[in-house]
Amino acid sequence: GGYPGRSLEIHLKNQAPTSKFDSRYKSN
């Protein structure tokens, strides 16, 4: 709804995101 901030994370391959990551990005 604006600026994602910490909810949008980009990790190295096969590193799980933190609890702050919005998993909806994976399906978009």
mmCIF file of all heavy atoms, coordinates in Angstrom:
data_MODEL
# 
_entry.id   MODEL 
# 
loop_
_atom_site.group_PDB 
_atom_site.id 
_atom_site.type_symbol 
_atom_site.label_atom_id 
_atom_site.label_alt_id 
_atom_site.label_comp_id 
_atom_site.label_asym_id 
_atom_site.label_entity_id 
_atom_site.label_seq_id 
_atom_site.pdbx_PDB_ins_code 
_atom_site.Cartn_x 
_atom_site.Cartn_y 
_atom_site.Cartn_z 
_atom_site.occupancy 
_atom_site.B_iso_or_equiv 
_atom_site.pdbx_formal_charge 
_atom_site.auth_seq_id 
_atom_site.auth_comp_id 
_atom_site.auth_asym_id 
_atom_site.auth_atom_id 
_atom_site.pdbx_PDB_model_num 
ATOM 1   N N   . GLY A 1 1  ? 0.807  -1.207  0.000  1.00 0.00 ? 1  GLY A N   1 
ATOM 2   C CA  . GLY A 1 1  ? 0.000  0.000   0.000  1.00 0.00 ? 1  GLY A CA  1 
ATOM 3   C C   . GLY A 1 1  ? 0.839  1.256   0.000  1.00 0.00 ? 1  GLY A C   1 
ATOM 4   O O   . GLY A 1 1  ? 0.352  2.338   0.313  1.00 0.00 ? 1  GLY A O   1 
ATOM 5   N N   . GLY A 1 2  ? 2.104  1.115   -0.345 1.00 0.00 ? 2  GLY A N   1 
ATOM 6   C CA  . GLY A 1 2  ? 3.011  2.263   -0.369 1.00 0.00 ? 2  GLY A CA  1 
ATOM 7   C C   . GLY A 1 2  ? 4.452  1.810   -0.421 1.00 0.00 ? 2  GLY A C   1 
ATOM 8   O O   . GLY A 1 2  ? 4.949  1.369   -1.454 1.00 0.00 ? 2  GLY A O   1 
ATOM 9   N N   . TYR A 1 3  ? 5.109  1.897   0.712  1.00 0.00 ? 3  TYR A N   1 
ATOM 10  C CA  . TYR A 1 3  ? 6.528  1.579   0.786  1.00 0.00 ? 3  TYR A CA  1 
ATOM 11  C C   . TYR A 1 3  ? 6.721  0.322   1.635  1.00 0.00 ? 3  TYR A C   1 
ATOM 12  O O   . TYR A 1 3  ? 6.379  0.313   2.819  1.00 0.00 ? 3  TYR A O   1 
ATOM 13  C CB  . TYR A 1 3  ? 7.302  2.747   1.391  1.00 0.00 ? 3  TYR A CB  1 
ATOM 14  C CG  . TYR A 1 3  ? 7.027  4.060   0.683  1.00 0.00 ? 3  TYR A CG  1 
ATOM 15  C CD1 . TYR A 1 3  ? 6.656  5.193   1.405  1.00 0.00 ? 3  TYR A CD1 1 
ATOM 16  C CD2 . TYR A 1 3  ? 7.123  4.160   -0.708 1.00 0.00 ? 3  TYR A CD2 1 
ATOM 17  C CE1 . TYR A 1 3  ? 6.407  6.403   0.764  1.00 0.00 ? 3  TYR A CE1 1 
ATOM 18  C CE2 . TYR A 1 3  ? 6.871  5.359   -1.358 1.00 0.00 ? 3  TYR A CE2 1 
ATOM 19  C CZ  . TYR A 1 3  ? 6.508  6.480   -0.613 1.00 0.00 ? 3  TYR A CZ  1 
ATOM 20  O OH  . TYR A 1 3  ? 6.266  7.662   -1.253 1.00 0.00 ? 3  TYR A OH  1 
ATOM 21  N N   . PRO A 1 4  ? 7.285  -0.753  1.083  1.00 0.00 ? 4  PRO A N   1 
ATOM 22  C CA  . PRO A 1 4  ? 7.323  -2.038  1.804  1.00 0.00 ? 4  PRO A CA  1 
ATOM 23  C C   . PRO A 1 4  ? 8.305  -2.079  2.964  1.00 0.00 ? 4  PRO A C   1 
ATOM 24  O O   . PRO A 1 4  ? 8.090  -2.805  3.927  1.00 0.00 ? 4  PRO A O   1 
ATOM 25  C CB  . PRO A 1 4  ? 7.714  -3.034  0.709  1.00 0.00 ? 4  PRO A CB  1 
ATOM 26  C CG  . PRO A 1 4  ? 8.418  -2.217  -0.333 1.00 0.00 ? 4  PRO A CG  1 
ATOM 27  C CD  . PRO A 1 4  ? 7.762  -0.873  -0.313 1.00 0.00 ? 4  PRO A CD  1 
ATOM 28  N N   . GLY A 1 5  ? 9.413  -1.340  2.905  1.00 0.00 ? 5  GLY A N   1 
ATOM 29  C CA  . GLY A 1 5  ? 10.383 -1.378  4.001  1.00 0.00 ? 5  GLY A CA  1 
ATOM 30  C C   . GLY A 1 5  ? 10.890 -2.788  4.269  1.00 0.00 ? 5  GLY A C   1 
ATOM 31  O O   . GLY A 1 5  ? 11.125 -3.567  3.347  1.00 0.00 ? 5  GLY A O   1 
ATOM 32  N N   . ARG A 1 6  ? 10.985 -3.151  5.569  1.00 0.00 ? 6  ARG A N   1 
ATOM 33  C CA  . ARG A 1 6  ? 11.590 -4.438  5.946  1.00 0.00 ? 6  ARG A CA  1 
ATOM 34  C C   . ARG A 1 6  ? 10.784 -5.649  5.491  1.00 0.00 ? 6  ARG A C   1 
ATOM 35  O O   . ARG A 1 6  ? 11.277 -6.782  5.517  1.00 0.00 ? 6  ARG A O   1 
ATOM 36  C CB  . ARG A 1 6  ? 11.767 -4.499  7.470  1.00 0.00 ? 6  ARG A CB  1 
ATOM 37  C CG  . ARG A 1 6  ? 13.002 -3.834  7.975  1.00 0.00 ? 6  ARG A CG  1 
ATOM 38  C CD  . ARG A 1 6  ? 14.282 -4.645  7.693  1.00 0.00 ? 6  ARG A CD  1 
ATOM 39  N NE  . ARG A 1 6  ? 14.453 -5.709  8.674  1.00 0.00 ? 6  ARG A NE  1 
ATOM 40  C CZ  . ARG A 1 6  ? 14.272 -6.987  8.448  1.00 0.00 ? 6  ARG A CZ  1 
ATOM 41  N NH1 . ARG A 1 6  ? 13.892 -7.398  7.246  1.00 0.00 ? 6  ARG A NH1 1 
ATOM 42  N NH2 . ARG A 1 6  ? 14.452 -7.890  9.401  1.00 0.00 ? 6  ARG A NH2 1 
ATOM 43  N N   . SER A 1 7  ? 9.552  -5.455  5.044  1.00 0.00 ? 7  SER A N   1 
ATOM 44  C CA  . SER A 1 7  ? 8.750  -6.610  4.636  1.00 0.00 ? 7  SER A CA  1 
ATOM 45  C C   . SER A 1 7  ? 9.200  -7.185  3.297  1.00 0.00 ? 7  SER A C   1 
ATOM 46  O O   . SER A 1 7  ? 8.789  -8.279  2.926  1.00 0.00 ? 7  SER A O   1 
ATOM 47  C CB  . SER A 1 7  ? 7.270  -6.235  4.571  1.00 0.00 ? 7  SER A CB  1 
ATOM 48  O OG  . SER A 1 7  ? 7.010  -5.351  3.487  1.00 0.00 ? 7  SER A OG  1 
ATOM 49  N N   . LEU A 1 8  ? 10.027 -6.449  2.558  1.00 0.00 ? 8  LEU A N   1 
ATOM 50  C CA  . LEU A 1 8  ? 10.548 -6.950  1.284  1.00 0.00 ? 8  LEU A CA  1 
ATOM 51  C C   . LEU A 1 8  ? 12.043 -7.207  1.455  1.00 0.00 ? 8  LEU A C   1 
ATOM 52  O O   . LEU A 1 8  ? 12.837 -6.271  1.537  1.00 0.00 ? 8  LEU A O   1 
ATOM 53  C CB  . LEU A 1 8  ? 10.294 -5.960  0.149  1.00 0.00 ? 8  LEU A CB  1 
ATOM 54  C CG  . LEU A 1 8  ? 10.297 -6.516  -1.277 1.00 0.00 ? 8  LEU A CG  1 
ATOM 55  C CD1 . LEU A 1 8  ? 9.758  -5.486  -2.268 1.00 0.00 ? 8  LEU A CD1 1 
ATOM 56  C CD2 . LEU A 1 8  ? 11.670 -6.987  -1.730 1.00 0.00 ? 8  LEU A CD2 1 
ATOM 57  N N   . GLU A 1 9  ? 12.410 -8.471  1.547  1.00 0.00 ? 9  GLU A N   1 
ATOM 58  C CA  . GLU A 1 9  ? 13.803 -8.881  1.754  1.00 0.00 ? 9  GLU A CA  1 
ATOM 59  C C   . GLU A 1 9  ? 14.287 -9.688  0.553  1.00 0.00 ? 9  GLU A C   1 
ATOM 60  O O   . GLU A 1 9  ? 13.504 -10.397 -0.089 1.00 0.00 ? 9  GLU A O   1 
ATOM 61  C CB  . GLU A 1 9  ? 13.934 -9.762  3.000  1.00 0.00 ? 9  GLU A CB  1 
ATOM 62  C CG  . GLU A 1 9  ? 13.444 -9.130  4.282  1.00 0.00 ? 9  GLU A CG  1 
ATOM 63  C CD  . GLU A 1 9  ? 13.459 -10.111 5.454  1.00 0.00 ? 9  GLU A CD  1 
ATOM 64  O OE1 . GLU A 1 9  ? 13.632 -11.331 5.218  1.00 0.00 ? 9  GLU A OE1 1 
ATOM 65  O OE2 . GLU A 1 9  ? 13.300 -9.653  6.592  1.00 0.00 ? 9  GLU A OE2 1 
ATOM 66  N N   . ILE A 1 10 ? 15.583 -9.593  0.288  1.00 0.00 ? 10 ILE A N   1 
ATOM 67  C CA  . ILE A 1 10 ? 16.207 -10.387 -0.777 1.00 0.00 ? 10 ILE A CA  1 
ATOM 68  C C   . ILE A 1 10 ? 17.438 -11.058 -0.180 1.00 0.00 ? 10 ILE A C   1 
ATOM 69  O O   . ILE A 1 10 ? 18.399 -10.384 0.219  1.00 0.00 ? 10 ILE A O   1 
ATOM 70  C CB  . ILE A 1 10 ? 16.590 -9.515  -1.980 1.00 0.00 ? 10 ILE A CB  1 
ATOM 71  C CG1 . ILE A 1 10 ? 15.353 -8.770  -2.516 1.00 0.00 ? 10 ILE A CG1 1 
ATOM 72  C CG2 . ILE A 1 10 ? 17.224 -10.370 -3.081 1.00 0.00 ? 10 ILE A CG2 1 
ATOM 73  C CD1 . ILE A 1 10 ? 15.666 -7.744  -3.591 1.00 0.00 ? 10 ILE A CD1 1 
ATOM 74  N N   . HIS A 1 11 ? 17.399 -12.390 -0.093 1.00 0.00 ? 11 HIS A N   1 
ATOM 75  C CA  . HIS A 1 11 ? 18.457 -13.170 0.531  1.00 0.00 ? 11 HIS A CA  1 
ATOM 76  C C   . HIS A 1 11 ? 19.249 -13.946 -0.520 1.00 0.00 ? 11 HIS A C   1 
ATOM 77  O O   . HIS A 1 11 ? 18.834 -14.066 -1.681 1.00 0.00 ? 11 HIS A O   1 
ATOM 78  C CB  . HIS A 1 11 ? 17.863 -14.158 1.536  1.00 0.00 ? 11 HIS A CB  1 
ATOM 79  C CG  . HIS A 1 11 ? 17.226 -13.508 2.723  1.00 0.00 ? 11 HIS A CG  1 
ATOM 80  N ND1 . HIS A 1 11 ? 17.777 -13.554 3.980  1.00 0.00 ? 11 HIS A ND1 1 
ATOM 81  C CD2 . HIS A 1 11 ? 16.073 -12.799 2.841  1.00 0.00 ? 11 HIS A CD2 1 
ATOM 82  C CE1 . HIS A 1 11 ? 16.988 -12.906 4.825  1.00 0.00 ? 11 HIS A CE1 1 
ATOM 83  N NE2 . HIS A 1 11 ? 15.940 -12.437 4.153  1.00 0.00 ? 11 HIS A NE2 1 
ATOM 84  N N   . LEU A 1 12 ? 20.362 -14.507 -0.096 1.00 0.00 ? 12 LEU A N   1 
ATOM 85  C CA  . LEU A 1 12 ? 21.087 -15.443 -0.939 1.00 0.00 ? 12 LEU A CA  1 
ATOM 86  C C   . LEU A 1 12 ? 20.215 -16.667 -1.204 1.00 0.00 ? 12 LEU A C   1 
ATOM 87  O O   . LEU A 1 12 ? 19.302 -16.980 -0.429 1.00 0.00 ? 12 LEU A O   1 
ATOM 88  C CB  . LEU A 1 12 ? 22.391 -15.870 -0.271 1.00 0.00 ? 12 LEU A CB  1 
ATOM 89  C CG  . LEU A 1 12 ? 23.393 -14.773 0.102  1.00 0.00 ? 12 LEU A CG  1 
ATOM 90  C CD1 . LEU A 1 12 ? 24.664 -15.399 0.672  1.00 0.00 ? 12 LEU A CD1 1 
ATOM 91  C CD2 . LEU A 1 12 ? 23.723 -13.883 -1.082 1.00 0.00 ? 12 LEU A CD2 1 
ATOM 92  N N   . LYS A 1 13 ? 20.523 -17.352 -2.276 1.00 0.00 ? 13 LYS A N   1 
ATOM 93  C CA  . LYS A 1 13 ? 19.746 -18.530 -2.654 1.00 0.00 ? 13 LYS A CA  1 
ATOM 94  C C   . LYS A 1 13 ? 19.710 -19.532 -1.498 1.00 0.00 ? 13 LYS A C   1 
ATOM 95  O O   . LYS A 1 13 ? 20.730 -19.859 -0.895 1.00 0.00 ? 13 LYS A O   1 
ATOM 96  C CB  . LYS A 1 13 ? 20.366 -19.166 -3.895 1.00 0.00 ? 13 LYS A CB  1 
ATOM 97  C CG  . LYS A 1 13 ? 19.621 -20.367 -4.458 1.00 0.00 ? 13 LYS A CG  1 
ATOM 98  C CD  . LYS A 1 13 ? 20.291 -20.855 -5.726 1.00 0.00 ? 13 LYS A CD  1 
ATOM 99  C CE  . LYS A 1 13 ? 19.593 -22.078 -6.306 1.00 0.00 ? 13 LYS A CE  1 
ATOM 100 N NZ  . LYS A 1 13 ? 20.228 -22.538 -7.569 1.00 0.00 ? 13 LYS A NZ  1 
ATOM 101 N N   . ASN A 1 14 ? 18.511 -19.970 -1.182 1.00 0.00 ? 14 ASN A N   1 
ATOM 102 C CA  . ASN A 1 14 ? 18.225 -21.002 -0.182 1.00 0.00 ? 14 ASN A CA  1 
ATOM 103 C C   . ASN A 1 14 ? 18.398 -20.544 1.262  1.00 0.00 ? 14 ASN A C   1 
ATOM 104 O O   . ASN A 1 14 ? 18.379 -21.362 2.179  1.00 0.00 ? 14 ASN A O   1 
ATOM 105 C CB  . ASN A 1 14 ? 19.024 -22.287 -0.440 1.00 0.00 ? 14 ASN A CB  1 
ATOM 106 C CG  . ASN A 1 14 ? 18.604 -22.951 -1.738 1.00 0.00 ? 14 ASN A CG  1 
ATOM 107 O OD1 . ASN A 1 14 ? 17.473 -22.755 -2.195 1.00 0.00 ? 14 ASN A OD1 1 
ATOM 108 N ND2 . ASN A 1 14 ? 19.498 -23.717 -2.338 1.00 0.00 ? 14 ASN A ND2 1 
ATOM 109 N N   . GLN A 1 15 ? 18.542 -19.235 1.483  1.00 0.00 ? 15 GLN A N   1 
ATOM 110 C CA  . GLN A 1 15 ? 18.472 -18.710 2.845  1.00 0.00 ? 15 GLN A CA  1 
ATOM 111 C C   . GLN A 1 15 ? 17.034 -18.281 3.116  1.00 0.00 ? 15 GLN A C   1 
ATOM 112 O O   . GLN A 1 15 ? 16.469 -17.461 2.389  1.00 0.00 ? 15 GLN A O   1 
ATOM 113 C CB  . GLN A 1 15 ? 19.418 -17.522 3.041  1.00 0.00 ? 15 GLN A CB  1 
ATOM 114 C CG  . GLN A 1 15 ? 20.864 -17.916 3.263  1.00 0.00 ? 15 GLN A CG  1 
ATOM 115 C CD  . GLN A 1 15 ? 21.106 -18.498 4.656  1.00 0.00 ? 15 GLN A CD  1 
ATOM 116 O OE1 . GLN A 1 15 ? 20.184 -18.713 5.429  1.00 0.00 ? 15 GLN A OE1 1 
ATOM 117 N NE2 . GLN A 1 15 ? 22.356 -18.774 4.961  1.00 0.00 ? 15 GLN A NE2 1 
ATOM 118 N N   . ALA A 1 16 ? 16.432 -18.838 4.148  1.00 0.00 ? 16 ALA A N   1 
ATOM 119 C CA  . ALA A 1 16 ? 15.050 -18.500 4.482  1.00 0.00 ? 16 ALA A CA  1 
ATOM 120 C C   . ALA A 1 16 ? 14.952 -17.046 4.918  1.00 0.00 ? 16 ALA A C   1 
ATOM 121 O O   . ALA A 1 16 ? 15.873 -16.509 5.540  1.00 0.00 ? 16 ALA A O   1 
ATOM 122 C CB  . ALA A 1 16 ? 14.538 -19.413 5.589  1.00 0.00 ? 16 ALA A CB  1 
ATOM 123 N N   . PRO A 1 17 ? 13.843 -16.378 4.597  1.00 0.00 ? 17 PRO A N   1 
ATOM 124 C CA  . PRO A 1 17 ? 13.674 -14.988 5.031  1.00 0.00 ? 17 PRO A CA  1 
ATOM 125 C C   . PRO A 1 17 ? 13.425 -14.900 6.534  1.00 0.00 ? 17 PRO A C   1 
ATOM 126 O O   . PRO A 1 17 ? 13.157 -15.906 7.195  1.00 0.00 ? 17 PRO A O   1 
ATOM 127 C CB  . PRO A 1 17 ? 12.450 -14.520 4.238  1.00 0.00 ? 17 PRO A CB  1 
ATOM 128 C CG  . PRO A 1 17 ? 11.667 -15.772 3.990  1.00 0.00 ? 17 PRO A CG  1 
ATOM 129 C CD  . PRO A 1 17 ? 12.691 -16.862 3.822  1.00 0.00 ? 17 PRO A CD  1 
ATOM 130 N N   . THR A 1 18 ? 13.487 -13.696 7.071  1.00 0.00 ? 18 THR A N   1 
ATOM 131 C CA  . THR A 1 18 ? 13.188 -13.491 8.481  1.00 0.00 ? 18 THR A CA  1 
ATOM 132 C C   . THR A 1 18 ? 11.676 -13.432 8.675  1.00 0.00 ? 18 THR A C   1 
ATOM 133 O O   . THR A 1 18 ? 10.894 -13.425 7.725  1.00 0.00 ? 18 THR A O   1 
ATOM 134 C CB  . THR A 1 18 ? 13.815 -12.188 9.016  1.00 0.00 ? 18 THR A CB  1 
ATOM 135 O OG1 . THR A 1 18 ? 13.044 -11.064 8.560  1.00 0.00 ? 18 THR A OG1 1 
ATOM 136 C CG2 . THR A 1 18 ? 15.253 -12.030 8.554  1.00 0.00 ? 18 THR A CG2 1 
ATOM 137 N N   . SER A 1 19 ? 11.257 -13.335 9.924  1.00 0.00 ? 19 SER A N   1 
ATOM 138 C CA  . SER A 1 19 ? 9.834  -13.285 10.249 1.00 0.00 ? 19 SER A CA  1 
ATOM 139 C C   . SER A 1 19 ? 9.179  -12.002 9.752  1.00 0.00 ? 19 SER A C   1 
ATOM 140 O O   . SER A 1 19 ? 7.939  -11.920 9.694  1.00 0.00 ? 19 SER A O   1 
ATOM 141 C CB  . SER A 1 19 ? 9.641  -13.413 11.762 1.00 0.00 ? 19 SER A CB  1 
ATOM 142 O OG  . SER A 1 19 ? 10.336 -12.377 12.441 1.00 0.00 ? 19 SER A OG  1 
ATOM 143 N N   . LYS A 1 20 ? 9.951  -11.004 9.389  1.00 0.00 ? 20 LYS A N   1 
ATOM 144 C CA  . LYS A 1 20 ? 9.388  -9.736  8.911  1.00 0.00 ? 20 LYS A CA  1 
ATOM 145 C C   . LYS A 1 20 ? 9.044  -9.766  7.424  1.00 0.00 ? 20 LYS A C   1 
ATOM 146 O O   . LYS A 1 20 ? 8.394  -8.851  6.917  1.00 0.00 ? 20 LYS A O   1 
ATOM 147 C CB  . LYS A 1 20 ? 10.371 -8.594  9.184  1.00 0.00 ? 20 LYS A CB  1 
ATOM 148 C CG  . LYS A 1 20 ? 10.569 -8.293  10.653 1.00 0.00 ? 20 LYS A CG  1 
ATOM 149 C CD  . LYS A 1 20 ? 11.389 -7.041  10.848 1.00 0.00 ? 20 LYS A CD  1 
ATOM 150 C CE  . LYS A 1 20 ? 11.449 -6.652  12.311 1.00 0.00 ? 20 LYS A CE  1 
ATOM 151 N NZ  . LYS A 1 20 ? 12.188 -5.387  12.517 1.00 0.00 ? 20 LYS A NZ  1 
ATOM 152 N N   . PHE A 1 21 ? 9.481  -10.787 6.723  1.00 0.00 ? 21 PHE A N   1 
ATOM 153 C CA  . PHE A 1 21 ? 9.252  -10.896 5.284  1.00 0.00 ? 21 PHE A CA  1 
ATOM 154 C C   . PHE A 1 21 ? 7.782  -11.173 4.992  1.00 0.00 ? 21 PHE A C   1 
ATOM 155 O O   . PHE A 1 21 ? 7.152  -12.018 5.652  1.00 0.00 ? 21 PHE A O   1 
ATOM 156 C CB  . PHE A 1 21 ? 10.131 -12.011 4.715  1.00 0.00 ? 21 PHE A CB  1 
ATOM 157 C CG  . PHE A 1 21 ? 9.923  -12.286 3.251  1.00 0.00 ? 21 PHE A CG  1 
ATOM 158 C CD1 . PHE A 1 21 ? 10.327 -11.366 2.294  1.00 0.00 ? 21 PHE A CD1 1 
ATOM 159 C CD2 . PHE A 1 21 ? 9.333  -13.466 2.825  1.00 0.00 ? 21 PHE A CD2 1 
ATOM 160 C CE1 . PHE A 1 21 ? 10.158 -11.623 0.936  1.00 0.00 ? 21 PHE A CE1 1 
ATOM 161 C CE2 . PHE A 1 21 ? 9.159  -13.735 1.472  1.00 0.00 ? 21 PHE A CE2 1 
ATOM 162 C CZ  . PHE A 1 21 ? 9.566  -12.804 0.528  1.00 0.00 ? 21 PHE A CZ  1 
ATOM 163 N N   . ASP A 1 22 ? 7.233  -10.477 3.993  1.00 0.00 ? 22 ASP A N   1 
ATOM 164 C CA  . ASP A 1 22 ? 5.861  -10.698 3.548  1.00 0.00 ? 22 ASP A CA  1 
ATOM 165 C C   . ASP A 1 22 ? 5.889  -11.776 2.468  1.00 0.00 ? 22 ASP A C   1 
ATOM 166 O O   . ASP A 1 22 ? 6.328  -11.534 1.342  1.00 0.00 ? 22 ASP A O   1 
ATOM 167 C CB  . ASP A 1 22 ? 5.282  -9.389  2.999  1.00 0.00 ? 22 ASP A CB  1 
ATOM 168 C CG  . ASP A 1 22 ? 3.799  -9.504  2.665  1.00 0.00 ? 22 ASP A CG  1 
ATOM 169 O OD1 . ASP A 1 22 ? 3.310  -10.640 2.499  1.00 0.00 ? 22 ASP A OD1 1 
ATOM 170 O OD2 . ASP A 1 22 ? 3.144  -8.446  2.552  1.00 0.00 ? 22 ASP A OD2 1 
ATOM 171 N N   . SER A 1 23 ? 5.421  -12.983 2.801  1.00 0.00 ? 23 SER A N   1 
ATOM 172 C CA  . SER A 1 23 ? 5.536  -14.131 1.897  1.00 0.00 ? 23 SER A CA  1 
ATOM 173 C C   . SER A 1 23 ? 4.701  -13.974 0.635  1.00 0.00 ? 23 SER A C   1 
ATOM 174 O O   . SER A 1 23 ? 4.867  -14.748 -0.316 1.00 0.00 ? 23 SER A O   1 
ATOM 175 C CB  . SER A 1 23 ? 5.134  -15.411 2.632  1.00 0.00 ? 23 SER A CB  1 
ATOM 176 O OG  . SER A 1 23 ? 3.788  -15.331 3.082  1.00 0.00 ? 23 SER A OG  1 
ATOM 177 N N   . ARG A 1 24 ? 3.813  -12.997 0.575  1.00 0.00 ? 24 ARG A N   1 
ATOM 178 C CA  . ARG A 1 24 ? 3.011  -12.799 -0.631 1.00 0.00 ? 24 ARG A CA  1 
ATOM 179 C C   . ARG A 1 24 ? 3.873  -12.435 -1.842 1.00 0.00 ? 24 ARG A C   1 
ATOM 180 O O   . ARG A 1 24 ? 3.456  -12.648 -2.984 1.00 0.00 ? 24 ARG A O   1 
ATOM 181 C CB  . ARG A 1 24 ? 1.964  -11.705 -0.398 1.00 0.00 ? 24 ARG A CB  1 
ATOM 182 C CG  . ARG A 1 24 ? 0.890  -12.076 0.617  1.00 0.00 ? 24 ARG A CG  1 
ATOM 183 C CD  . ARG A 1 24 ? -0.081 -10.920 0.791  1.00 0.00 ? 24 ARG A CD  1 
ATOM 184 N NE  . ARG A 1 24 ? 0.588  -9.734  1.317  1.00 0.00 ? 24 ARG A NE  1 
ATOM 185 C CZ  . ARG A 1 24 ? 0.035  -8.511  1.338  1.00 0.00 ? 24 ARG A CZ  1 
ATOM 186 N NH1 . ARG A 1 24 ? -1.198 -8.343  0.858  1.00 0.00 ? 24 ARG A NH1 1 
ATOM 187 N NH2 . ARG A 1 24 ? 0.701  -7.485  1.835  1.00 0.00 ? 24 ARG A NH2 1 
ATOM 188 N N   . TYR A 1 25 ? 5.070  -11.906 -1.607 1.00 0.00 ? 25 TYR A N   1 
ATOM 189 C CA  . TYR A 1 25 ? 5.930  -11.555 -2.744 1.00 0.00 ? 25 TYR A CA  1 
ATOM 190 C C   . TYR A 1 25 ? 6.268  -12.787 -3.580 1.00 0.00 ? 25 TYR A C   1 
ATOM 191 O O   . TYR A 1 25 ? 6.459  -12.698 -4.788 1.00 0.00 ? 25 TYR A O   1 
ATOM 192 C CB  . TYR A 1 25 ? 7.216  -10.881 -2.251 1.00 0.00 ? 25 TYR A CB  1 
ATOM 193 C CG  . TYR A 1 25 ? 6.987  -9.473  -1.761 1.00 0.00 ? 25 TYR A CG  1 
ATOM 194 C CD1 . TYR A 1 25 ? 7.014  -9.177  -0.408 1.00 0.00 ? 25 TYR A CD1 1 
ATOM 195 C CD2 . TYR A 1 25 ? 6.720  -8.447  -2.645 1.00 0.00 ? 25 TYR A CD2 1 
ATOM 196 C CE1 . TYR A 1 25 ? 6.786  -7.901  0.055  1.00 0.00 ? 25 TYR A CE1 1 
ATOM 197 C CE2 . TYR A 1 25 ? 6.494  -7.149  -2.203 1.00 0.00 ? 25 TYR A CE2 1 
ATOM 198 C CZ  . TYR A 1 25 ? 6.527  -6.885  -0.853 1.00 0.00 ? 25 TYR A CZ  1 
ATOM 199 O OH  . TYR A 1 25 ? 6.293  -5.615  -0.407 1.00 0.00 ? 25 TYR A OH  1 
ATOM 200 N N   . LYS A 1 26 ? 6.356  -13.942 -2.927 1.00 0.00 ? 26 LYS A N   1 
ATOM 201 C CA  . LYS A 1 26 ? 6.748  -15.158 -3.643 1.00 0.00 ? 26 LYS A CA  1 
ATOM 202 C C   . LYS A 1 26 ? 5.750  -15.520 -4.747 1.00 0.00 ? 26 LYS A C   1 
ATOM 203 O O   . LYS A 1 26 ? 6.125  -16.099 -5.756 1.00 0.00 ? 26 LYS A O   1 
ATOM 204 C CB  . LYS A 1 26 ? 6.882  -16.329 -2.669 1.00 0.00 ? 26 LYS A CB  1 
ATOM 205 C CG  . LYS A 1 26 ? 8.087  -16.227 -1.751 1.00 0.00 ? 26 LYS A CG  1 
ATOM 206 C CD  . LYS A 1 26 ? 8.254  -17.496 -0.933 1.00 0.00 ? 26 LYS A CD  1 
ATOM 207 C CE  . LYS A 1 26 ? 9.525  -17.467 -0.106 1.00 0.00 ? 26 LYS A CE  1 
ATOM 208 N NZ  . LYS A 1 26 ? 9.751  -18.745 0.619  1.00 0.00 ? 26 LYS A NZ  1 
ATOM 209 N N   . SER A 1 27 ? 4.479  -15.216 -4.537 1.00 0.00 ? 27 SER A N   1 
ATOM 210 C CA  . SER A 1 27 ? 3.453  -15.600 -5.505 1.00 0.00 ? 27 SER A CA  1 
ATOM 211 C C   . SER A 1 27 ? 3.075  -14.471 -6.448 1.00 0.00 ? 27 SER A C   1 
ATOM 212 O O   . SER A 1 27 ? 2.097  -14.583 -7.183 1.00 0.00 ? 27 SER A O   1 
ATOM 213 C CB  . SER A 1 27 ? 2.209  -16.095 -4.768 1.00 0.00 ? 27 SER A CB  1 
ATOM 214 O OG  . SER A 1 27 ? 1.714  -15.102 -3.889 1.00 0.00 ? 27 SER A OG  1 
ATOM 215 N N   . ASN A 1 28 ? 3.829  -13.380 -6.430 1.00 0.00 ? 28 ASN A N   1 
ATOM 216 C CA  . ASN A 1 28 ? 3.517  -12.241 -7.297 1.00 0.00 ? 28 ASN A CA  1 
ATOM 217 C C   . ASN A 1 28 ? 4.613  -11.967 -8.320 1.00 0.00 ? 28 ASN A C   1 
ATOM 218 O O   . ASN A 1 28 ? 4.717  -10.875 -8.844 1.00 0.00 ? 28 ASN A O   1 
ATOM 219 C CB  . ASN A 1 28 ? 3.278  -10.987 -6.453 1.00 0.00 ? 28 ASN A CB  1 
ATOM 220 C CG  . ASN A 1 28 ? 1.868  -10.913 -5.920 1.00 0.00 ? 28 ASN A CG  1 
ATOM 221 O OD1 . ASN A 1 28 ? 0.978  -10.361 -6.561 1.00 0.00 ? 28 ASN A OD1 1 
ATOM 222 N ND2 . ASN A 1 28 ? 1.656  -11.507 -4.748 1.00 0.00 ? 28 ASN A ND2 1 
# 
